[in-house]
C-alpha cells in the first residue's frame, strides 16, 4: 500500500507543515522543537510503517504514530493554556489530531482483520 495515497498520511503531513509555519517565530525553542517533532513523527511513522512488508510491522509503526498524535494533542492543550497557541488555531489542531487518531485506529483495525483472515 502506497503511503502517499493514504488520506491519514496526507492529513498528518499537512498538520505537521502547519505546525512548523505557525510556530516558526516562537522563541521558546524547547517547546517549539518538541511540538514540531511530535507533529513530524506522525506522517513519518505512517510512511515507515506502510513501507514495511508484514502487517505486524505496519501496525507497530501505526501505533507509534497514534502515540505521537496523543503527544501532540497534549502539547497543543498546554500551548493554548500558556498562551503560545491561539485558542482558535489550537482547537482546530486538537480536532485534527482526533481525526487522525481515529483514522489510524481504523487502519490498524483493517490490518488486524487482514491478519486474522489470513490465519
N, C-alpha and C. Protein backbone atom coordinates (compact mmCIF):
# COMPACT_ATOMS: atom_id res chain seq x y z
N UNK A 1 0.85 -1.18 0.00
CA UNK A 1 0.00 0.00 0.00
C UNK A 1 0.90 1.25 0.00
N UNK A 2 0.67 2.14 -0.93
CA UNK A 2 1.45 3.36 -1.07
C UNK A 2 1.00 4.39 -0.03
N UNK A 3 1.87 4.72 0.90
CA UNK A 3 1.50 5.64 1.98
C UNK A 3 1.09 7.00 1.45
N UNK A 4 1.64 7.43 0.32
CA UNK A 4 1.33 8.75 -0.22
C UNK A 4 -0.12 8.88 -0.68
N UNK A 5 -0.80 7.77 -0.87
CA UNK A 5 -2.20 7.79 -1.27
C UNK A 5 -3.15 7.75 -0.07
N UNK A 6 -2.61 7.51 1.12
CA UNK A 6 -3.46 7.41 2.31
C UNK A 6 -3.89 8.80 2.78
N UNK A 7 -5.18 8.96 3.00
CA UNK A 7 -5.69 10.24 3.49
C UNK A 7 -5.11 10.60 4.85
N UNK A 8 -4.90 9.60 5.69
CA UNK A 8 -4.35 9.87 7.02
C UNK A 8 -2.92 10.41 6.92
N UNK A 9 -2.15 9.91 5.97
CA UNK A 9 -0.80 10.43 5.78
C UNK A 9 -0.86 11.87 5.27
N UNK A 10 -1.71 12.13 4.28
CA UNK A 10 -1.85 13.48 3.73
C UNK A 10 -2.28 14.47 4.80
N UNK A 11 -3.27 14.08 5.59
CA UNK A 11 -3.80 14.96 6.63
C UNK A 11 -2.74 15.25 7.69
N UNK A 12 -2.00 14.22 8.10
CA UNK A 12 -0.98 14.41 9.13
C UNK A 12 0.22 15.20 8.60
N UNK A 13 0.56 15.02 7.33
CA UNK A 13 1.66 15.80 6.74
C UNK A 13 1.28 17.28 6.66
N UNK A 14 0.02 17.57 6.31
CA UNK A 14 -0.44 18.96 6.28
C UNK A 14 -0.40 19.57 7.68
N UNK A 15 -0.84 18.79 8.67
CA UNK A 15 -0.82 19.27 10.05
C UNK A 15 0.61 19.58 10.48
N UNK A 16 1.54 18.71 10.16
CA UNK A 16 2.93 18.93 10.53
C UNK A 16 3.46 20.22 9.89
N UNK A 17 3.17 20.42 8.62
CA UNK A 17 3.61 21.64 7.94
C UNK A 17 2.97 22.87 8.58
N UNK A 18 1.70 22.78 8.93
CA UNK A 18 1.00 23.90 9.58
C UNK A 18 1.67 24.26 10.91
N UNK A 19 2.05 23.24 11.68
CA UNK A 19 2.71 23.49 12.96
C UNK A 19 4.01 24.26 12.75
N UNK A 20 4.82 23.81 11.80
CA UNK A 20 6.09 24.48 11.53
C UNK A 20 5.85 25.94 11.12
N UNK A 21 4.90 26.17 10.23
CA UNK A 21 4.64 27.53 9.77
C UNK A 21 4.14 28.43 10.89
N UNK A 22 3.19 27.92 11.67
CA UNK A 22 2.56 28.74 12.71
C UNK A 22 3.50 29.04 13.88
N UNK A 23 4.42 28.14 14.14
CA UNK A 23 5.26 28.29 15.34
C UNK A 23 6.70 28.73 15.03
N UNK A 24 6.97 29.07 13.79
CA UNK A 24 8.35 29.40 13.41
C UNK A 24 8.92 30.60 14.17
N UNK A 25 8.06 31.50 14.63
CA UNK A 25 8.53 32.68 15.36
C UNK A 25 8.57 32.48 16.87
N UNK A 26 8.11 31.35 17.36
CA UNK A 26 8.07 31.08 18.79
C UNK A 26 9.50 31.01 19.33
N UNK A 27 9.78 31.81 20.36
CA UNK A 27 11.14 31.90 20.88
C UNK A 27 11.45 30.85 21.95
N UNK A 28 10.43 30.14 22.42
CA UNK A 28 10.68 29.03 23.34
C UNK A 28 11.06 27.83 22.48
N UNK A 29 12.36 27.71 22.23
CA UNK A 29 12.84 26.72 21.29
C UNK A 29 12.57 25.29 21.75
N UNK A 30 12.63 25.06 23.04
CA UNK A 30 12.36 23.72 23.57
C UNK A 30 10.94 23.29 23.26
N UNK A 31 9.98 24.16 23.54
CA UNK A 31 8.58 23.85 23.26
C UNK A 31 8.35 23.70 21.77
N UNK A 32 8.87 24.65 21.01
CA UNK A 32 8.67 24.61 19.55
C UNK A 32 9.26 23.34 18.95
N UNK A 33 10.45 22.99 19.37
CA UNK A 33 11.08 21.79 18.82
C UNK A 33 10.31 20.53 19.20
N UNK A 34 9.83 20.48 20.43
CA UNK A 34 9.11 19.28 20.89
C UNK A 34 7.79 19.11 20.13
N UNK A 35 7.04 20.19 19.99
CA UNK A 35 5.72 20.09 19.33
C UNK A 35 5.88 19.81 17.84
N UNK A 36 6.88 20.41 17.22
CA UNK A 36 7.07 20.14 15.79
C UNK A 36 7.60 18.72 15.57
N UNK A 37 8.42 18.23 16.50
CA UNK A 37 8.92 16.84 16.38
C UNK A 37 7.78 15.83 16.52
N UNK A 38 6.89 16.05 17.47
CA UNK A 38 5.79 15.10 17.63
C UNK A 38 4.87 15.17 16.41
N UNK A 39 4.65 16.38 15.88
CA UNK A 39 3.84 16.51 14.67
C UNK A 39 4.48 15.84 13.47
N UNK A 40 5.78 15.97 13.33
CA UNK A 40 6.51 15.35 12.22
C UNK A 40 6.55 13.83 12.35
N UNK A 41 6.53 13.36 13.58
CA UNK A 41 6.60 11.92 13.83
C UNK A 41 5.38 11.17 13.27
N UNK A 42 4.24 11.83 13.23
CA UNK A 42 3.02 11.14 12.80
C UNK A 42 3.11 10.68 11.34
N UNK A 43 3.27 11.60 10.37
CA UNK A 43 3.35 11.12 8.98
C UNK A 43 4.60 10.30 8.71
N UNK A 44 5.68 10.59 9.44
CA UNK A 44 6.91 9.83 9.24
C UNK A 44 6.73 8.37 9.62
N UNK A 45 6.07 8.11 10.75
CA UNK A 45 5.84 6.73 11.17
C UNK A 45 4.81 6.03 10.30
N UNK A 46 3.84 6.77 9.79
CA UNK A 46 2.89 6.17 8.85
C UNK A 46 3.65 5.72 7.60
N UNK A 47 4.50 6.59 7.08
CA UNK A 47 5.28 6.27 5.89
C UNK A 47 6.18 5.06 6.14
N UNK A 48 6.88 5.07 7.25
CA UNK A 48 7.78 3.95 7.53
C UNK A 48 7.00 2.65 7.70
N UNK A 49 5.91 2.72 8.44
CA UNK A 49 5.12 1.51 8.68
C UNK A 49 4.52 0.93 7.42
N UNK A 50 3.95 1.78 6.58
CA UNK A 50 3.30 1.28 5.38
C UNK A 50 4.30 0.81 4.35
N UNK A 51 5.58 1.12 4.56
CA UNK A 51 6.63 0.63 3.67
C UNK A 51 7.18 -0.72 4.12
N UNK A 52 6.72 -1.20 5.26
CA UNK A 52 7.16 -2.50 5.77
C UNK A 52 6.39 -3.62 5.10
N UNK A 53 6.95 -4.81 5.16
CA UNK A 53 6.36 -5.95 4.48
C UNK A 53 5.20 -6.58 5.26
N UNK A 54 5.41 -6.83 6.53
CA UNK A 54 4.39 -7.57 7.29
C UNK A 54 3.37 -6.62 7.93
N UNK A 55 2.15 -7.13 8.10
CA UNK A 55 1.12 -6.35 8.77
C UNK A 55 1.50 -6.06 10.22
N UNK A 56 2.23 -6.98 10.84
CA UNK A 56 2.67 -6.77 12.22
C UNK A 56 3.58 -5.54 12.29
N UNK A 57 4.53 -5.42 11.38
CA UNK A 57 5.42 -4.26 11.34
C UNK A 57 4.63 -2.99 11.02
N UNK A 58 3.72 -3.08 10.08
CA UNK A 58 2.90 -1.91 9.73
C UNK A 58 2.13 -1.43 10.95
N UNK A 59 1.48 -2.35 11.63
CA UNK A 59 0.70 -1.99 12.83
C UNK A 59 1.59 -1.33 13.88
N UNK A 60 2.77 -1.88 14.07
CA UNK A 60 3.70 -1.34 15.08
C UNK A 60 3.95 0.15 14.84
N UNK A 61 4.28 0.52 13.62
CA UNK A 61 4.57 1.92 13.32
C UNK A 61 3.31 2.79 13.35
N UNK A 62 2.17 2.22 13.00
CA UNK A 62 0.92 2.99 13.08
C UNK A 62 0.55 3.26 14.54
N UNK A 63 0.84 2.32 15.41
CA UNK A 63 0.60 2.53 16.85
C UNK A 63 1.53 3.63 17.37
N UNK A 64 2.77 3.63 16.91
CA UNK A 64 3.69 4.71 17.29
C UNK A 64 3.16 6.06 16.79
N UNK A 65 2.67 6.09 15.56
CA UNK A 65 2.10 7.33 15.00
C UNK A 65 0.92 7.80 15.84
N UNK A 66 0.08 6.86 16.27
CA UNK A 66 -1.08 7.22 17.11
C UNK A 66 -0.61 7.77 18.45
N UNK A 67 0.45 7.20 18.99
CA UNK A 67 1.02 7.73 20.24
C UNK A 67 1.56 9.13 20.06
N UNK A 68 2.23 9.39 18.94
CA UNK A 68 2.73 10.74 18.65
C UNK A 68 1.58 11.72 18.50
N UNK A 69 0.47 11.24 17.97
CA UNK A 69 -0.72 12.08 17.83
C UNK A 69 -1.24 12.50 19.21
N UNK A 70 -1.26 11.56 20.14
CA UNK A 70 -1.69 11.87 21.52
C UNK A 70 -0.70 12.83 22.19
N UNK A 71 0.58 12.62 21.92
CA UNK A 71 1.61 13.51 22.46
C UNK A 71 1.40 14.93 21.92
N UNK A 72 1.16 15.04 20.63
CA UNK A 72 0.92 16.35 20.02
C UNK A 72 -0.32 17.00 20.61
N UNK A 73 -1.38 16.24 20.78
CA UNK A 73 -2.61 16.80 21.34
C UNK A 73 -2.34 17.39 22.73
N UNK A 74 -1.58 16.68 23.54
CA UNK A 74 -1.22 17.16 24.87
C UNK A 74 -0.45 18.47 24.79
N UNK A 75 0.50 18.54 23.88
CA UNK A 75 1.31 19.75 23.73
C UNK A 75 0.48 20.94 23.23
N UNK A 76 -0.50 20.66 22.37
CA UNK A 76 -1.38 21.74 21.91
C UNK A 76 -2.21 22.27 23.09
N UNK A 77 -2.77 21.37 23.91
CA UNK A 77 -3.50 21.81 25.09
C UNK A 77 -2.63 22.72 25.96
N UNK A 78 -1.41 22.30 26.20
CA UNK A 78 -0.50 23.09 27.04
C UNK A 78 -0.16 24.40 26.36
N UNK A 79 0.10 24.36 25.05
CA UNK A 79 0.41 25.58 24.30
C UNK A 79 -0.72 26.60 24.37
N UNK A 80 -1.95 26.14 24.30
CA UNK A 80 -3.10 27.04 24.45
C UNK A 80 -3.11 27.64 25.85
N UNK A 81 -2.94 26.78 26.84
CA UNK A 81 -3.00 27.19 28.24
C UNK A 81 -1.95 28.24 28.60
N UNK A 82 -0.77 28.11 28.05
CA UNK A 82 0.31 29.05 28.40
C UNK A 82 0.40 30.23 27.42
N UNK A 83 -0.51 30.28 26.45
CA UNK A 83 -0.58 31.43 25.56
C UNK A 83 0.34 31.38 24.35
N UNK A 84 0.95 30.23 24.08
CA UNK A 84 1.81 30.10 22.91
C UNK A 84 1.00 29.85 21.64
N UNK A 85 -0.17 29.27 21.79
CA UNK A 85 -1.01 28.91 20.65
C UNK A 85 -2.35 29.61 20.79
N UNK A 86 -2.74 30.30 19.74
CA UNK A 86 -4.05 30.95 19.67
C UNK A 86 -5.13 29.90 19.89
N UNK A 87 -6.12 30.22 20.71
CA UNK A 87 -7.12 29.22 21.07
C UNK A 87 -7.87 28.67 19.87
N UNK A 88 -8.26 29.53 18.93
CA UNK A 88 -8.97 29.04 17.75
C UNK A 88 -8.10 28.09 16.93
N UNK A 89 -6.85 28.47 16.71
CA UNK A 89 -5.93 27.60 15.97
C UNK A 89 -5.71 26.30 16.73
N UNK A 90 -5.54 26.41 18.03
CA UNK A 90 -5.33 25.23 18.85
C UNK A 90 -6.50 24.28 18.81
N UNK A 91 -7.70 24.81 18.89
CA UNK A 91 -8.90 23.94 18.83
C UNK A 91 -8.97 23.22 17.49
N UNK A 92 -8.58 23.90 16.43
CA UNK A 92 -8.55 23.25 15.10
C UNK A 92 -7.53 22.10 15.10
N UNK A 93 -6.34 22.36 15.65
CA UNK A 93 -5.32 21.31 15.70
C UNK A 93 -5.75 20.15 16.58
N UNK A 94 -6.43 20.45 17.67
CA UNK A 94 -6.93 19.37 18.54
C UNK A 94 -7.89 18.47 17.76
N UNK A 95 -8.78 19.08 16.99
CA UNK A 95 -9.72 18.28 16.19
C UNK A 95 -8.99 17.48 15.12
N UNK A 96 -7.99 18.09 14.52
CA UNK A 96 -7.19 17.37 13.53
C UNK A 96 -6.54 16.13 14.15
N UNK A 97 -5.99 16.28 15.36
CA UNK A 97 -5.34 15.14 16.00
C UNK A 97 -6.37 14.06 16.34
N UNK A 98 -7.57 14.45 16.72
CA UNK A 98 -8.62 13.46 17.00
C UNK A 98 -8.99 12.71 15.72
N UNK A 99 -9.14 13.46 14.63
CA UNK A 99 -9.49 12.84 13.34
C UNK A 99 -8.38 11.88 12.88
N UNK A 100 -7.14 12.32 12.98
CA UNK A 100 -6.02 11.49 12.55
C UNK A 100 -5.94 10.23 13.41
N UNK A 101 -6.13 10.39 14.71
CA UNK A 101 -6.10 9.23 15.61
C UNK A 101 -7.18 8.22 15.25
N UNK A 102 -8.37 8.71 14.94
CA UNK A 102 -9.47 7.81 14.54
C UNK A 102 -9.15 7.11 13.22
N UNK A 103 -8.55 7.84 12.29
CA UNK A 103 -8.18 7.23 11.01
C UNK A 103 -7.11 6.16 11.22
N UNK A 104 -6.14 6.45 12.08
CA UNK A 104 -5.11 5.45 12.38
C UNK A 104 -5.71 4.22 13.03
N UNK A 105 -6.65 4.44 13.95
CA UNK A 105 -7.32 3.30 14.59
C UNK A 105 -8.01 2.43 13.54
N UNK A 106 -8.68 3.06 12.59
CA UNK A 106 -9.35 2.32 11.52
C UNK A 106 -8.37 1.53 10.67
N UNK A 107 -7.23 2.14 10.36
CA UNK A 107 -6.22 1.45 9.55
C UNK A 107 -5.61 0.28 10.32
N UNK A 108 -5.35 0.48 11.60
CA UNK A 108 -4.82 -0.61 12.43
C UNK A 108 -5.83 -1.75 12.50
N UNK A 109 -7.10 -1.43 12.67
CA UNK A 109 -8.15 -2.45 12.72
C UNK A 109 -8.22 -3.22 11.41
N UNK A 110 -8.12 -2.52 10.30
CA UNK A 110 -8.13 -3.17 8.98
C UNK A 110 -6.97 -4.15 8.85
N UNK A 111 -5.79 -3.73 9.28
CA UNK A 111 -4.62 -4.61 9.21
C UNK A 111 -4.79 -5.82 10.13
N UNK A 112 -5.39 -5.61 11.29
CA UNK A 112 -5.68 -6.73 12.20
C UNK A 112 -6.65 -7.72 11.55
N UNK A 113 -7.69 -7.17 10.92
CA UNK A 113 -8.68 -8.03 10.26
C UNK A 113 -8.04 -8.83 9.12
N UNK A 114 -7.17 -8.18 8.35
CA UNK A 114 -6.48 -8.88 7.26
C UNK A 114 -5.60 -10.00 7.83
N UNK A 115 -4.91 -9.70 8.92
CA UNK A 115 -4.05 -10.70 9.54
C UNK A 115 -4.87 -11.88 10.05
N UNK A 116 -6.01 -11.59 10.69
CA UNK A 116 -6.87 -12.66 11.20
C UNK A 116 -7.47 -13.48 10.08
N UNK A 117 -7.82 -12.86 8.97
CA UNK A 117 -8.40 -13.58 7.83
C UNK A 117 -7.37 -14.50 7.18
N UNK A 118 -6.10 -14.08 7.21
CA UNK A 118 -5.04 -14.86 6.61
C UNK A 118 -4.63 -16.05 7.48
N UNK A 119 -4.98 -15.99 8.75
CA UNK A 119 -4.58 -17.06 9.70
C UNK A 119 -5.45 -18.29 9.57
